[in-house]
Amino acid sequence: MKSALQYVCSACGAKVPQMLGRCPVCGEWGTIEEEVVAASSAGKGIKSVARMRPQLLQEVEAREDMRLDMRCGELNRVLGGGLVPGSLVLLGGEPGIGKSTLALQALMQMGERKTLYASGEESARQLKLRAERLAGNPANLYIVSETSLERILESVTDIKPELVVIDSIQTIGTEAADSTIGSQSQVRECAARILQYAKENNVPFIIVGHITKEGSLAGPKVLEHIVDTVLQFEGDQHYMYRILRAQKNRFGSTSELGIFEMRQDGLREVTNPSELLLSTAREGLSGISIAAAVEGVRPFLIEVQALVSSAAYGTPQRSSTGFDGRRLNMLLAVLEKRVGFKLLQKDVFINIAGGLRVNDPAIDLAILAAVLSSNMDIALDAGTCLCGEVGLAGEIRPVNRLEQRIREAEKLGFTRIIVPAQQKDSLPKSAKIQVIPVSKVADAFRLLLRQN
């Protein structure tokens, strides 16, 4: 039978009648792609399942112990306490960030549980070499190098594992779609068939996905709607730390995050990131401040570094690593307008130590304190940390989870913390650390300079 052409948007998965420059559904430019669909494949879709009898919600039995323990505290934290049987998890990240290492290492830590690792990118010998580098040799880990989804599901049926990892979804093809492997229709059809198999057989799947140069998950947007959980593995390849975030989670919160350290023998959990992110040789150095940040629901202290120098060229530079550059420009404008520090002819460089990228607005005050310290070449008190969002009027606005930030600073031995004055009524009464509420940026600067 003759093949037909269809035009699909790679950004949202919408089908359009002809080749267009702009998708009429999502508005993205240059995302319409041509796909060849055979007419004979119309009946190869997902087979209908047996009709289930409707039942009352209160009759459905659900227990917390049904979750599968991944033997990794950080991974369990992001998943919401473990992996739910029959769920489909999508793990994405940049090339070389450690997605395959995280997936393989998770299976190797499962102990006596039977697991299957299906790879469309590596041979069995290559997987063995990577497993030896991770210093593990589990007895019940099966591997298969296959790009056919039908053969992979046959292996799952024969072995009956408790967890399956497919690496990656862009290298797997199914006979239900006649387009090339990695195309929009193949990715969509493979994900739908895996989801059906997972729900019918109560087997959890983790599928690894590629990302585009813009940082979003490759494939149609419908792929993220099909899966139960979307995990993003991110970090700077030049640094050792990696962050695992949940962008979507049907069975848990998306506010949790896990932190790992990339080492020669694999990924190591970072249970106390504050101690690793803070430098012990910062005392007496200008341009360094400590911020009490929160990522998700997890508080930790980070080291903010700033360098202010005379502009070597006509136009001063504004550069930031790990912090939003546009927000930095806004904070520098507040510093000049509300406090009176002139930085028009000076270069300003900001760096979040450790290679982390922090989006918490509560580190605004620490950013300005580091800039002030570098500009005046005065070292701040090493026992002081700061938290507070800075408004355009120079006021220090309230932050969320203030008590957790204070407890984290107290646990690490800091003697004082500067917090927004609007939250002085909600401060913990039993804190051993000195809590100093301030209402304006200028008041915080006077306090910091007086202590020095």
Foldseek 3Di string as FASTA:
>chain_A
DDKDKWKAFFEAGDTDRDDDQADPPPGDGPRIDIWIFGPVLPPVADDDDDDDDDDDPVVDDDDPVQFQDLLDPQVCQQQARHHHFLFEEEEEEAPPLQPVLVVVVSVQNSAPFAEEEEEQPDQPVVVVVLVVQLVGDHDRYHYYHDQELVVVVVVCVVSVGQEYEYEALQSHAYPSGPTDRNAQVRSVRSLQNSSVVRNVSRHYYYHYFYADPVGHTGHHPVSVVSGQWYWYWDFDPVFFKIKIFIPHHNNHDRLGMFMWGQDSSGIDGDPAVQVVQDDPPQPPFALWAKAFFGRRNDTHIWIKGKAKAFAPDDFAAQEEQLEDRVVVVLLVVLCCPVVNDDRRGIHMYMYTGRRHRDDFQQCSLVNVRSVVRNVVVHRWDPLEHETFHADNNQWTDAHPPPQNSLVNSVVVPRQEYEHAPVCPVVHDPPRNHHYHHDTGSNVVVVVRVVVD
